[in-house]
């Protein structure tokens, strides 16, 4: 049994909205369901539908800004800021700004298409 797992080739999640998703650890990359860790870059003007995930999601912004909509509030997350959205929370992520936003996310349990529960 290995005591560590070095990731040198993250799984690039296919998208159709211009967002780069590099999953380093999770269901798609190493088939672990306990957690996922991904690096992302969302282009200017990007948004996704509301979702009610079955996982906690921690987001940390490296550069740029993004908007998180929760309970009718719009929260702006900027460089060196983080947030934890608890599972079962209806949330929407977007980047209405003129520059890309780079961030990392940790999901517990791991992100999956079945667990994200996107609307529409």
PDB file of N, CA and C in Angstrom:
ATOM      1  N   UNK A   1       0.842  -1.188   0.000  1.00  0.00           N
ATOM      2  CA  UNK A   1       0.000   0.000   0.000  1.00  0.00           C
ATOM      3  C   UNK A   1       0.884   1.248   0.000  1.00  0.00           C
ATOM      4  N   UNK A   2       0.624   2.146  -0.947  1.00  0.00           N
ATOM      5  CA  UNK A   2       1.370   3.404  -0.999  1.00  0.00           C
ATOM      6  C   UNK A   2       0.975   4.316   0.147  1.00  0.00           C
ATOM      7  N   UNK A   3       1.938   5.033   0.671  1.00  0.00           N
ATOM      8  CA  UNK A   3       1.693   5.990   1.749  1.00  0.00           C
ATOM      9  C   UNK A   3       1.352   7.368   1.206  1.00  0.00           C
ATOM     10  N   UNK A   4       1.467   7.559  -0.113  1.00  0.00           N
ATOM     11  CA  UNK A   4       1.121   8.832  -0.729  1.00  0.00           C
ATOM     12  C   UNK A   4       0.758   8.602  -2.193  1.00  0.00           C
ATOM     13  N   UNK A   5       0.109   9.598  -2.776  1.00  0.00           N
ATOM     14  CA  UNK A   5      -0.221   9.548  -4.195  1.00  0.00           C
ATOM     15  C   UNK A   5       0.138  10.893  -4.800  1.00  0.00           C
ATOM     16  N   UNK A   6       1.134  10.891  -5.661  1.00  0.00           N
ATOM     17  CA  UNK A   6       1.591  12.091  -6.341  1.00  0.00           C
ATOM     18  C   UNK A   6       0.759  12.286  -7.603  1.00  0.00           C
ATOM     19  N   UNK A   7       0.186  13.472  -7.755  1.00  0.00           N
ATOM     20  CA  UNK A   7      -0.638  13.752  -8.931  1.00  0.00           C
ATOM     21  C   UNK A   7       0.147  14.650  -9.880  1.00  0.00           C
ATOM     22  N   UNK A   8       0.487  14.140 -11.047  1.00  0.00           N
ATOM     23  CA  UNK A   8       1.222  14.932 -12.038  1.00  0.00           C
ATOM     24  C   UNK A   8       0.416  15.163 -13.312  1.00  0.00           C
ATOM     25  N   UNK A   9      -0.741  14.526 -13.408  1.00  0.00           N
ATOM     26  CA  UNK A   9      -1.580  14.668 -14.601  1.00  0.00           C
ATOM     27  C   UNK A   9      -3.049  14.670 -14.182  1.00  0.00           C
ATOM     28  N   UNK A  10      -3.544  15.809 -13.676  1.00  0.00           N
ATOM     29  CA  UNK A  10      -4.934  15.847 -13.239  1.00  0.00           C
ATOM     30  C   UNK A  10      -5.897  15.562 -14.394  1.00  0.00           C
ATOM     31  N   UNK A  11      -7.071  15.075 -14.051  1.00  0.00           N
ATOM     32  CA  UNK A  11      -8.117  14.798 -15.035  1.00  0.00           C
ATOM     33  C   UNK A  11      -8.754  16.126 -15.440  1.00  0.00           C
ATOM     34  N   UNK A  12      -8.796  16.411 -16.728  1.00  0.00           N
ATOM     35  CA  UNK A  12      -9.450  17.617 -17.235  1.00  0.00           C
ATOM     36  C   UNK A  12     -10.920  17.257 -17.473  1.00  0.00           C
ATOM     37  N   UNK A  13     -11.785  17.866 -16.695  1.00  0.00           N
ATOM     38  CA  UNK A  13     -13.220  17.598 -16.795  1.00  0.00           C
ATOM     39  C   UNK A  13     -13.755  18.300 -18.037  1.00  0.00           C
ATOM     40  N   UNK A  14     -14.417  17.570 -18.942  1.00  0.00           N
ATOM     41  CA  UNK A  14     -14.961  18.213 -20.136  1.00  0.00           C
ATOM     42  C   UNK A  14     -16.070  19.207 -19.765  1.00  0.00           C
ATOM     43  N   UNK A  15     -16.006  20.421 -20.332  1.00  0.00           N
ATOM     44  CA  UNK A  15     -17.039  21.425 -20.111  1.00  0.00           C
ATOM     45  C   UNK A  15     -17.413  22.050 -21.450  1.00  0.00           C
ATOM     46  N   UNK A  16     -18.538  22.715 -21.484  1.00  0.00           N
ATOM     47  CA  UNK A  16     -18.944  23.427 -22.698  1.00  0.00           C
ATOM     48  C   UNK A  16     -19.173  24.910 -22.423  1.00  0.00           C
ATOM     49  N   UNK A  17     -18.648  25.401 -21.292  1.00  0.00           N
ATOM     50  CA  UNK A  17     -18.868  26.796 -20.919  1.00  0.00           C
ATOM     51  C   UNK A  17     -17.574  27.597 -20.786  1.00  0.00           C
ATOM     52  N   UNK A  18     -16.457  27.049 -21.263  1.00  0.00           N
ATOM     53  CA  UNK A  18     -15.184  27.752 -21.217  1.00  0.00           C
ATOM     54  C   UNK A  18     -14.437  27.641 -19.902  1.00  0.00           C
ATOM     55  N   UNK A  19     -15.003  26.966 -18.928  1.00  0.00           N
ATOM     56  CA  UNK A  19     -14.369  26.815 -17.620  1.00  0.00           C
ATOM     57  C   UNK A  19     -13.373  25.654 -17.650  1.00  0.00           C
ATOM     58  N   UNK A  20     -12.178  25.888 -17.117  1.00  0.00           N
ATOM     59  CA  UNK A  20     -11.173  24.840 -16.978  1.00  0.00           C
ATOM     60  C   UNK A  20     -11.338  24.199 -15.610  1.00  0.00           C
ATOM     61  N   UNK A  21     -11.493  22.882 -15.590  1.00  0.00           N
ATOM     62  CA  UNK A  21     -11.574  22.134 -14.336  1.00  0.00           C
ATOM     63  C   UNK A  21     -10.528  21.035 -14.384  1.00  0.00           C
ATOM     64  N   UNK A  22      -9.549  21.116 -13.486  1.00  0.00           N
ATOM     65  CA  UNK A  22      -8.516  20.097 -13.359  1.00  0.00           C
ATOM     66  C   UNK A  22      -8.726  19.387 -12.028  1.00  0.00           C
ATOM     67  N   UNK A  23      -9.284  18.191 -12.082  1.00  0.00           N
ATOM     68  CA  UNK A  23      -9.489  17.432 -10.849  1.00  0.00           C
ATOM     69  C   UNK A  23      -8.208  16.679 -10.520  1.00  0.00           C
ATOM     70  N   UNK A  24      -7.595  17.032  -9.398  1.00  0.00           N
ATOM     71  CA  UNK A  24      -6.371  16.370  -8.958  1.00  0.00           C
ATOM     72  C   UNK A  24      -6.679  15.090  -8.191  1.00  0.00           C
ATOM     73  N   UNK A  25      -7.701  15.151  -7.343  1.00  0.00           N
ATOM     74  CA  UNK A  25      -8.110  13.986  -6.562  1.00  0.00           C
ATOM     75  C   UNK A  25      -9.627  13.971  -6.495  1.00  0.00           C
ATOM     76  N   UNK A  26     -10.235  12.814  -6.711  1.00  0.00           N
ATOM     77  CA  UNK A  26     -11.689  12.697  -6.669  1.00  0.00           C
ATOM     78  C   UNK A  26     -12.173  11.504  -7.466  1.00  0.00           C
ATOM     79  N   UNK A  27     -13.460  11.495  -7.785  1.00  0.00           N
ATOM     80  CA  UNK A  27     -14.081  10.376  -8.505  1.00  0.00           C
ATOM     81  C   UNK A  27     -13.503  10.211  -9.907  1.00  0.00           C
ATOM     82  N   UNK A  28     -13.357  11.326 -10.644  1.00  0.00           N
ATOM     83  CA  UNK A  28     -12.914  11.240 -12.044  1.00  0.00           C
ATOM     84  C   UNK A  28     -11.424  10.941 -12.168  1.00  0.00           C
ATOM     85  N   UNK A  29     -10.623  11.450 -11.239  1.00  0.00           N
ATOM     86  CA  UNK A  29      -9.165  11.338 -11.374  1.00  0.00           C
ATOM     87  C   UNK A  29      -8.590  10.052 -10.782  1.00  0.00           C
ATOM     88  N   UNK A  30      -8.893   9.758  -9.526  1.00  0.00           N
ATOM     89  CA  UNK A  30      -8.317   8.566  -8.871  1.00  0.00           C
ATOM     90  C   UNK A  30      -9.390   7.658  -8.269  1.00  0.00           C
ATOM     91  N   UNK A  31     -10.658   7.938  -8.608  1.00  0.00           N
ATOM     92  CA  UNK A  31     -11.789   7.124  -8.165  1.00  0.00           C
ATOM     93  C   UNK A  31     -11.906   7.026  -6.649  1.00  0.00           C
ATOM     94  N   UNK A  32     -11.766   8.185  -5.980  1.00  0.00           N
ATOM     95  CA  UNK A  32     -12.046   8.232  -4.546  1.00  0.00           C
ATOM     96  C   UNK A  32     -13.357   8.980  -4.345  1.00  0.00           C
ATOM     97  N   UNK A  33     -14.197   8.486  -3.480  1.00  0.00           N
ATOM     98  CA  UNK A  33     -15.482   9.122  -3.233  1.00  0.00           C
ATOM     99  C   UNK A  33     -15.539   9.930  -1.955  1.00  0.00           C
ATOM    100  N   UNK A  34     -14.476   9.853  -1.138  1.00  0.00           N
ATOM    101  CA  UNK A  34     -14.481  10.530   0.154  1.00  0.00           C
ATOM    102  C   UNK A  34     -14.369  12.047   0.015  1.00  0.00           C
ATOM    103  N   UNK A  35     -13.633  12.518  -0.983  1.00  0.00           N
ATOM    104  CA  UNK A  35     -13.392  13.952  -1.175  1.00  0.00           C
ATOM    105  C   UNK A  35     -12.947  14.180  -2.611  1.00  0.00           C
ATOM    106  N   UNK A  36     -12.990  15.429  -3.040  1.00  0.00           N
ATOM    107  CA  UNK A  36     -12.382  15.805  -4.310  1.00  0.00           C
ATOM    108  C   UNK A  36     -11.675  17.139  -4.138  1.00  0.00           C
ATOM    109  N   UNK A  37     -10.631  17.334  -4.931  1.00  0.00           N
ATOM    110  CA  UNK A  37      -9.840  18.559  -4.914  1.00  0.00           C
ATOM    111  C   UNK A  37      -9.604  18.949  -6.366  1.00  0.00           C
ATOM    112  N   UNK A  38     -10.008  20.174  -6.730  1.00  0.00           N
ATOM    113  CA  UNK A  38      -9.872  20.607  -8.120  1.00  0.00           C
ATOM    114  C   UNK A  38      -9.383  22.044  -8.205  1.00  0.00           C
ATOM    115  N   UNK A  39      -8.617  22.308  -9.257  1.00  0.00           N
ATOM    116  CA  UNK A  39      -8.163  23.651  -9.614  1.00  0.00           C
ATOM    117  C   UNK A  39      -9.028  24.106 -10.789  1.00  0.00           C
ATOM    118  N   UNK A  40      -9.533  25.342 -10.728  1.00  0.00           N
ATOM    119  CA  UNK A  40     -10.437  25.816 -11.765  1.00  0.00           C
ATOM    120  C   UNK A  40     -10.113  27.240 -12.192  1.00  0.00           C
ATOM    121  N   UNK A  41     -10.405  27.523 -13.456  1.00  0.00           N
ATOM    122  CA  UNK A  41     -10.351  28.886 -13.976  1.00  0.00           C
ATOM    123  C   UNK A  41     -11.648  29.115 -14.736  1.00  0.00           C
ATOM    124  N   UNK A  42     -12.443  30.079 -14.252  1.00  0.00           N
ATOM    125  CA  UNK A  42     -13.705  30.426 -14.897  1.00  0.00           C
ATOM    126  C   UNK A  42     -13.510  31.733 -15.659  1.00  0.00           C
ATOM    127  N   UNK A  43     -13.877  31.756 -16.942  1.00  0.00           N
ATOM    128  CA  UNK A  43     -13.665  32.959 -17.740  1.00  0.00           C
ATOM    129  C   UNK A  43     -14.601  34.097 -17.325  1.00  0.00           C
ATOM    130  N   UNK A  44     -14.268  35.295 -17.765  1.00  0.00           N
ATOM    131  CA  UNK A  44     -15.141  36.454 -17.545  1.00  0.00           C
ATOM    132  C   UNK A  44     -16.520  36.148 -18.121  1.00  0.00           C
ATOM    133  N   UNK A  45     -17.556  36.537 -17.394  1.00  0.00           N
ATOM    134  CA  UNK A  45     -18.923  36.338 -17.851  1.00  0.00           C
ATOM    135  C   UNK A  45     -19.487  34.947 -17.632  1.00  0.00           C
ATOM    136  N   UNK A  46     -18.741  34.054 -17.013  1.00  0.00           N
ATOM    137  CA  UNK A  46     -19.179  32.672 -16.791  1.00  0.00           C
ATOM    138  C   UNK A  46     -20.233  32.595 -15.694  1.00  0.00           C
ATOM    139  N   UNK A  47     -21.165  31.669 -15.839  1.00  0.00           N
ATOM    140  CA  UNK A  47     -22.109  31.346 -14.763  1.00  0.00           C
ATOM    141  C   UNK A  47     -22.621  29.932 -14.983  1.00  0.00           C
ATOM    142  N   UNK A  48     -23.184  29.370 -13.927  1.00  0.00           N
ATOM    143  CA  UNK A  48     -23.798  28.056 -14.032  1.00  0.00           C
ATOM    144  C   UNK A  48     -25.149  28.100 -13.333  1.00  0.00           C
ATOM    145  N   UNK A  49     -26.004  27.110 -13.582  1.00  0.00           N
ATOM    146  CA  UNK A  49     -27.333  27.114 -12.954  1.00  0.00           C
ATOM    147  C   UNK A  49     -27.258  26.924 -11.437  1.00  0.00           C
ATOM    148  N   UNK A  50     -28.355  27.241 -10.761  1.00  0.00           N
ATOM    149  CA  UNK A  50     -28.446  26.925  -9.338  1.00  0.00           C
ATOM    150  C   UNK A  50     -28.304  25.415  -9.167  1.00  0.00           C
ATOM    151  N   UNK A  51     -27.798  25.029  -8.002  1.00  0.00           N
ATOM    152  CA  UNK A  51     -27.638  23.624  -7.654  1.00  0.00           C
ATOM    153  C   UNK A  51     -27.875  23.460  -6.160  1.00  0.00           C
ATOM    154  N   UNK A  52     -28.179  22.238  -5.748  1.00  0.00           N
ATOM    155  CA  UNK A  52     -28.330  21.907  -4.335  1.00  0.00           C
ATOM    156  C   UNK A  52     -27.519  20.641  -4.078  1.00  0.00           C
ATOM    157  N   UNK A  53     -26.198  20.794  -3.939  1.00  0.00           N
ATOM    158  CA  UNK A  53     -25.314  19.635  -3.865  1.00  0.00           C
ATOM    159  C   UNK A  53     -25.477  18.796  -2.599  1.00  0.00           C
ATOM    160  N   UNK A  54     -25.122  17.533  -2.739  1.00  0.00           N
ATOM    161  CA  UNK A  54     -25.101  16.592  -1.617  1.00  0.00           C
ATOM    162  C   UNK A  54     -23.677  16.464  -1.081  1.00  0.00           C
ATOM    163  N   UNK A  55     -22.943  17.573  -1.035  1.00  0.00           N
ATOM    164  CA  UNK A  55     -21.591  17.612  -0.490  1.00  0.00           C
ATOM    165  C   UNK A  55     -21.311  19.016   0.020  1.00  0.00           C
ATOM    166  N   UNK A  56     -20.422  19.132   1.004  1.00  0.00           N
ATOM    167  CA  UNK A  56     -19.890  20.431   1.420  1.00  0.00           C
ATOM    168  C   UNK A  56     -18.873  20.846   0.366  1.00  0.00           C
ATOM    169  N   UNK A  57     -18.841  22.137   0.035  1.00  0.00           N
ATOM    170  CA  UNK A  57     -17.847  22.619  -0.931  1.00  0.00           C
ATOM    171  C   UNK A  57     -17.105  23.818  -0.359  1.00  0.00           C
ATOM    172  N   UNK A  58     -15.791  23.665  -0.250  1.00  0.00           N
ATOM    173  CA  UNK A  58     -14.919  24.747   0.200  1.00  0.00           C
ATOM    174  C   UNK A  58     -14.264  25.340  -1.040  1.00  0.00           C
ATOM    175  N   UNK A  59     -14.351  26.660  -1.196  1.00  0.00           N
ATOM    176  CA  UNK A  59     -13.746  27.353  -2.334  1.00  0.00           C
ATOM    177  C   UNK A  59     -12.752  28.375  -1.813  1.00  0.00           C
ATOM    178  N   UNK A  60     -11.565  28.398  -2.425  1.00  0.00           N
ATOM    179  CA  UNK A  60     -10.518  29.369  -2.095  1.00  0.00           C
ATOM    180  C   UNK A  60     -10.096  30.065  -3.390  1.00  0.00           C
ATOM    181  N   UNK A  61     -10.191  31.400  -3.419  1.00  0.00           N
ATOM    182  CA  UNK A  61      -9.861  32.159  -4.624  1.00  0.00           C
ATOM    183  C   UNK A  61      -8.376  32.516  -4.638  1.00  0.00           C
ATOM    184  N   UNK A  62      -7.716  32.160  -5.738  1.00  0.00           N
ATOM    185  CA  UNK A  62      -6.300  32.472  -5.942  1.00  0.00           C
ATOM    186  C   UNK A  62      -6.154  33.850  -6.575  1.00  0.00           C
ATOM    187  N   UNK A  63      -6.963  34.120  -7.601  1.00  0.00           N
ATOM    188  CA  UNK A  63      -6.951  35.440  -8.251  1.00  0.00           C
ATOM    189  C   UNK A  63      -8.308  35.714  -8.878  1.00  0.00           C
ATOM    190  N   UNK A  64      -8.625  36.992  -9.026  1.00  0.00           N
ATOM    191  CA  UNK A  64      -9.923  37.373  -9.568  1.00  0.00           C
ATOM    192  C   UNK A  64     -10.995  37.393  -8.489  1.00  0.00           C
ATOM    193  N   UNK A  65     -12.249  37.367  -8.947  1.00  0.00           N
ATOM    194  CA  UNK A  65     -13.396  37.399  -8.036  1.00  0.00           C
ATOM    195  C   UNK A  65     -14.494  36.512  -8.595  1.00  0.00           C
ATOM    196  N   UNK A  66     -15.343  36.026  -7.711  1.00  0.00           N
ATOM    197  CA  UNK A  66     -16.526  35.291  -8.149  1.00  0.00           C
ATOM    198  C   UNK A  66     -17.687  35.631  -7.225  1.00  0.00           C
ATOM    199  N   UNK A  67     -18.877  35.387  -7.704  1.00  0.00           N
ATOM    200  CA  UNK A  67     -20.095  35.635  -6.934  1.00  0.00           C
ATOM    201  C   UNK A  67     -20.711  34.296  -6.561  1.00  0.00           C
ATOM    202  N   UNK A  68     -21.123  34.198  -5.299  1.00  0.00           N
ATOM    203  CA  UNK A  68     -21.828  33.027  -4.801  1.00  0.00           C
ATOM    204  C   UNK A  68     -23.191  33.518  -4.318  1.00  0.00           C
ATOM    205  N   UNK A  69     -24.262  32.955  -4.876  1.00  0.00           N
ATOM    206  CA  UNK A  69     -25.619  33.330  -4.474  1.00  0.00           C
ATOM    207  C   UNK A  69     -26.177  32.257  -3.563  1.00  0.00           C
ATOM    208  N   UNK A  70     -26.551  32.673  -2.334  1.00  0.00           N
ATOM    209  CA  UNK A  70     -27.105  31.782  -1.324  1.00  0.00           C
ATOM    210  C   UNK A  70     -28.229  32.514  -0.602  1.00  0.00           C
ATOM    211  N   UNK A  71     -29.393  31.895  -0.509  1.00  0.00           N
ATOM    212  CA  UNK A  71     -30.519  32.467   0.243  1.00  0.00           C
ATOM    213  C   UNK A  71     -30.821  33.915  -0.145  1.00  0.00           C
ATOM    214  N   UNK A  72     -30.786  34.218  -1.446  1.00  0.00           N
ATOM    215  CA  UNK A  72     -31.104  35.559  -1.916  1.00  0.00           C
ATOM    216  C   UNK A  72     -29.986  36.574  -1.730  1.00  0.00           C
ATOM    217  N   UNK A  73     -28.851  36.155  -1.174  1.00  0.00           N
ATOM    218  CA  UNK A  73     -27.699  37.048  -0.991  1.00  0.00           C
ATOM    219  C   UNK A  73     -26.660  36.766  -2.057  1.00  0.00           C
ATOM    220  N   UNK A  74     -25.979  37.828  -2.510  1.00  0.00           N
ATOM    221  CA  UNK A  74     -24.848  37.678  -3.420  1.00  0.00           C
ATOM    222  C   UNK A  74     -23.579  37.984  -2.631  1.00  0.00           C
ATOM    223  N   UNK A  75     -22.735  36.980  -2.508  1.00  0.00           N
ATOM    224  CA  UNK A  75     -21.487  37.104  -1.759  1.00  0.00           C
ATOM    225  C   UNK A  75     -20.350  37.181  -2.759  1.00  0.00           C
ATOM    226  N   UNK A  76     -19.539  38.232  -2.663  1.00  0.00           N
ATOM    227  CA  UNK A  76     -18.371  38.331  -3.540  1.00  0.00           C
ATOM    228  C   UNK A  76     -17.163  37.735  -2.838  1.00  0.00           C
ATOM    229  N   UNK A  77     -16.530  36.788  -3.500  1.00  0.00           N
ATOM    230  CA  UNK A  77     -15.332  36.151  -2.971  1.00  0.00           C
ATOM    231  C   UNK A  77     -14.152  36.640  -3.804  1.00  0.00           C
ATOM    232  N   UNK A  78     -13.127  37.179  -3.141  1.00  0.00           N
ATOM    233  CA  UNK A  78     -11.968  37.755  -3.811  1.00  0.00           C
ATOM    234  C   UNK A  78     -10.697  37.006  -3.433  1.00  0.00           C
ATOM    235  N   UNK A  79      -9.577  37.425  -4.015  1.00  0.00           N
ATOM    236  CA  UNK A  79      -8.268  36.811  -3.790  1.00  0.00           C
ATOM    237  C   UNK A  79      -8.009  36.590  -2.290  1.00  0.00           C
ATOM    238  N   UNK A  80      -7.515  35.411  -1.958  1.00  0.00           N
ATOM    239  CA  UNK A  80      -7.172  35.005  -0.588  1.00  0.00           C
ATOM    240  C   UNK A  80      -8.375  34.875   0.342  1.00  0.00           C
ATOM    241  N   UNK A  81      -9.578  34.784  -0.219  1.00  0.00           N
ATOM    242  CA  UNK A  81     -10.776  34.565   0.598  1.00  0.00           C
ATOM    243  C   UNK A  81     -11.321  33.173   0.301  1.00  0.00           C
ATOM    244  N   UNK A  82     -12.028  32.624   1.280  1.00  0.00           N
ATOM    245  CA  UNK A  82     -12.596  31.289   1.114  1.00  0.00           C
ATOM    246  C   UNK A  82     -13.990  31.242   1.713  1.00  0.00           C
ATOM    247  N   UNK A  83     -14.726  30.217   1.316  1.00  0.00           N
ATOM    248  CA  UNK A  83     -16.087  30.022   1.813  1.00  0.00           C
ATOM    249  C   UNK A  83     -16.373  28.526   1.831  1.00  0.00           C
ATOM    250  N   UNK A  84     -17.216  28.104   2.753  1.00  0.00           N
ATOM    251  CA  UNK A  84     -17.684  26.717   2.795  1.00  0.00           C
ATOM    252  C   UNK A  84     -19.198  26.744   2.653  1.00  0.00           C
ATOM    253  N   UNK A  85     -19.693  26.146   1.588  1.00  0.00           N
ATOM    254  CA  UNK A  85     -21.127  26.013   1.368  1.00  0.00           C
ATOM    255  C   UNK A  85     -21.517  24.606   1.818  1.00  0.00           C
ATOM    256  N   UNK A  86     -22.407  24.520   2.772  1.00  0.00           N
ATOM    257  CA  UNK A  86     -22.805  23.231   3.358  1.00  0.00           C
ATOM    258  C   UNK A  86     -23.730  22.454   2.423  1.00  0.00           C
ATOM    259  N   UNK A  87     -23.621  21.130   2.455  1.00  0.00           N
ATOM    260  CA  UNK A  87     -24.458  20.284   1.609  1.00  0.00           C
ATOM    261  C   UNK A  87     -25.930  20.577   1.865  1.00  0.00           C
ATOM    262  N   UNK A  88     -26.729  20.450   0.809  1.00  0.00           N
ATOM    263  CA  UNK A  88     -28.157  20.715   0.903  1.00  0.00           C
ATOM    264  C   UNK A  88     -28.516  22.182   0.745  1.00  0.00           C
ATOM    265  N   UNK A  89     -27.523  23.048   0.509  1.00  0.00           N
ATOM    266  CA  UNK A  89     -27.763  24.478   0.322  1.00  0.00           C
ATOM    267  C   UNK A  89     -27.951  24.767  -1.159  1.00  0.00           C
ATOM    268  N   UNK A  90     -29.001  25.501  -1.495  1.00  0.00           N
ATOM    269  CA  UNK A  90     -29.210  25.926  -2.883  1.00  0.00           C
ATOM    270  C   UNK A  90     -28.249  27.079  -3.161  1.00  0.00           C
ATOM    271  N   UNK A  91     -27.396  26.917  -4.188  1.00  0.00           N
ATOM    272  CA  UNK A  91     -26.317  27.869  -4.443  1.00  0.00           C
ATOM    273  C   UNK A  91     -26.104  28.031  -5.947  1.00  0.00           C
ATOM    274  N   UNK A  92     -25.596  29.202  -6.327  1.00  0.00           N
ATOM    275  CA  UNK A  92     -25.214  29.441  -7.729  1.00  0.00           C
ATOM    276  C   UNK A  92     -23.888  30.178  -7.736  1.00  0.00           C
ATOM    277  N   UNK A  93     -22.973  29.721  -8.589  1.00  0.00           N
ATOM    278  CA  UNK A  93     -21.656  30.331  -8.734  1.00  0.00           C
ATOM    279  C   UNK A  93     -21.577  31.051 -10.081  1.00  0.00           C
ATOM    280  N   UNK A  94     -20.918  32.228 -10.094  1.00  0.00           N
ATOM    281  CA  UNK A  94     -20.757  32.953 -11.354  1.00  0.00           C
ATOM    282  C   UNK A  94     -19.543  33.877 -11.293  1.00  0.00           C
ATOM    283  N   UNK A  95     -19.129  34.318 -12.465  1.00  0.00           N
ATOM    284  CA  UNK A  95     -18.060  35.299 -12.605  1.00  0.00           C
ATOM    285  C   UNK A  95     -18.540  36.381 -13.573  1.00  0.00           C
ATOM    286  N   UNK A  96     -19.277  37.385 -13.063  1.00  0.00           N
ATOM    287  CA  UNK A  96     -19.788  38.444 -13.929  1.00  0.00           C
ATOM    288  C   UNK A  96     -18.741  39.524 -14.236  1.00  0.00           C
ATOM    289  N   UNK A  97     -17.527  39.324 -13.783  1.00  0.00           N
ATOM    290  CA  UNK A  97     -16.486  40.339 -13.889  1.00  0.00           C
ATOM    291  C   UNK A  97     -15.749  40.245 -15.231  1.00  0.00           C
ATOM    292  N   UNK A  98     -14.883  41.215 -15.495  1.00  0.00           N
ATOM    293  CA  UNK A  98     -14.190  41.296 -16.779  1.00  0.00           C
ATOM    294  C   UNK A  98     -12.894  40.503 -16.828  1.00  0.00           C
ATOM    295  N   UNK A  99     -12.489  39.912 -15.706  1.00  0.00           N
ATOM    296  CA  UNK A  99     -11.277  39.097 -15.687  1.00  0.00           C
ATOM    297  C   UNK A  99     -11.627  37.685 -15.223  1.00  0.00           C
ATOM    298  N   UNK A 100     -10.828  36.695 -15.615  1.00  0.00           N
ATOM    299  CA  UNK A 100     -11.073  35.330 -15.152  1.00  0.00           C
ATOM    300  C   UNK A 100     -10.891  35.225 -13.638  1.00  0.00           C
ATOM    301  N   UNK A 101     -11.462  34.190 -13.063  1.00  0.00           N
ATOM    302  CA  UNK A 101     -11.249  33.892 -11.647  1.00  0.00           C
ATOM    303  C   UNK A 101     -10.591  32.517 -11.557  1.00  0.00           C
ATOM    304  N   UNK A 102      -9.518  32.444 -10.774  1.00  0.00           N
ATOM    305  CA  UNK A 102      -8.807  31.185 -10.553  1.00  0.00           C
ATOM    306  C   UNK A 102      -9.026  30.774  -9.108  1.00  0.00           C
ATOM    307  N   UNK A 103      -9.393  29.516  -8.899  1.00  0.00           N
ATOM    308  CA  UNK A 103      -9.687  29.065  -7.544  1.00  0.00           C
ATOM    309  C   UNK A 103      -9.518  27.566  -7.421  1.00  0.00           C
ATOM    310  N   UNK A 104      -9.527  27.088  -6.179  1.00  0.00           N
ATOM    311  CA  UNK A 104      -9.537  25.661  -5.905  1.00  0.00           C
ATOM    312  C   UNK A 104     -10.773  25.344  -5.069  1.00  0.00           C
ATOM    313  N   UNK A 105     -11.271  24.130  -5.257  1.00  0.00           N
ATOM    314  CA  UNK A 105     -12.426  23.673  -4.491  1.00  0.00           C
ATOM    315  C   UNK A 105     -12.156  22.289  -3.922  1.00  0.00           C
ATOM    316  N   UNK A 106     -12.643  22.083  -2.709  1.00  0.00           N
ATOM    317  CA  UNK A 106     -12.620  20.785  -2.055  1.00  0.00           C
ATOM    318  C   UNK A 106     -14.071  20.416  -1.779  1.00  0.00           C
ATOM    319  N   UNK A 107     -14.475  19.232  -2.213  1.00  0.00           N
ATOM    320  CA  UNK A 107     -15.833  18.747  -1.964  1.00  0.00           C
ATOM    321  C   UNK A 107     -15.761  17.495  -1.102  1.00  0.00           C
ATOM    322  N   UNK A 108     -16.637  17.451  -0.068  1.00  0.00           N
ATOM    323  CA  UNK A 108     -16.690  16.314   0.856  1.00  0.00           C
ATOM    324  C   UNK A 108     -18.153  15.919   1.049  1.00  0.00           C
ATOM    325  N   UNK A 109     -18.572  14.715   0.614  1.00  0.00           N
ATOM    326  CA  UNK A 109     -17.850  13.739  -0.181  1.00  0.00           C
ATOM    327  C   UNK A 109     -17.551  14.290  -1.585  1.00  0.00           C
ATOM    328  N   UNK A 110     -16.893  13.497  -2.400  1.00  0.00           N
ATOM    329  CA  UNK A 110     -16.399  13.953  -3.699  1.00  0.00           C
ATOM    330  C   UNK A 110     -17.513  14.453  -4.611  1.00  0.00           C
ATOM    331  N   UNK A 111     -17.162  15.448  -5.424  1.00  0.00           N
ATOM    332  CA  UNK A 111     -18.057  15.937  -6.472  1.00  0.00           C
ATOM    333  C   UNK A 111     -18.382  14.810  -7.430  1.00  0.00           C
ATOM    334  N   UNK A 112     -19.637  14.757  -7.853  1.00  0.00           N
ATOM    335  CA  UNK A 112     -20.049  13.881  -8.951  1.00  0.00           C
ATOM    336  C   UNK A 112     -21.278  14.514  -9.596  1.00  0.00           C
ATOM    337  N   UNK A 113     -21.520  14.168 -10.839  1.00  0.00           N
ATOM    338  CA  UNK A 113     -22.682  14.704 -11.558  1.00  0.00           C
ATOM    339  C   UNK A 113     -23.982  14.335 -10.835  1.00  0.00           C
ATOM    340  N   UNK A 114     -24.010  13.167 -10.217  1.00  0.00           N
ATOM    341  CA  UNK A 114     -25.213  12.729  -9.497  1.00  0.00           C
ATOM    342  C   UNK A 114     -25.418  13.500  -8.199  1.00  0.00           C
ATOM    343  N   UNK A 115     -24.349  13.900  -7.551  1.00  0.00           N
ATOM    344  CA  UNK A 115     -24.440  14.593  -6.252  1.00  0.00           C
ATOM    345  C   UNK A 115     -24.647  16.091  -6.363  1.00  0.00           C
ATOM    346  N   UNK A 116     -24.348  16.695  -7.522  1.00  0.00           N
ATOM    347  CA  UNK A 116     -24.388  18.160  -7.628  1.00  0.00           C
ATOM    348  C   UNK A 116     -25.815  18.705  -7.702  1.00  0.00           C
ATOM    349  N   UNK A 117     -26.729  17.965  -8.286  1.00  0.00           N
ATOM    350  CA  UNK A 117     -28.155  18.332  -8.342  1.00  0.00           C
ATOM    351  C   UNK A 117     -28.370  19.729  -8.960  1.00  0.00           C
ATOM    352  N   UNK A 118     -27.849  19.921 -10.186  1.00  0.00           N
ATOM    353  CA  UNK A 118     -28.037  21.186 -10.922  1.00  0.00           C
ATOM    354  C   UNK A 118     -29.465  21.298 -11.413  1.00  0.00           C
ATOM    355  N   UNK A 119     -29.984  22.514 -11.403  1.00  0.00           N
ATOM    356  CA  UNK A 119     -31.321  22.786 -11.909  1.00  0.00           C
ATOM    357  C   UNK A 119     -31.272  22.978 -13.426  1.00  0.00           C
ATOM    358  N   UNK A 120     -32.380  22.631 -14.071  1.00  0.00           N
ATOM    359  CA  UNK A 120     -32.491  22.866 -15.511  1.00  0.00           C
ATOM    360  C   UNK A 120     -31.703  21.905 -16.259  1.00  0.00           C
TER     361      UNK A 120
END
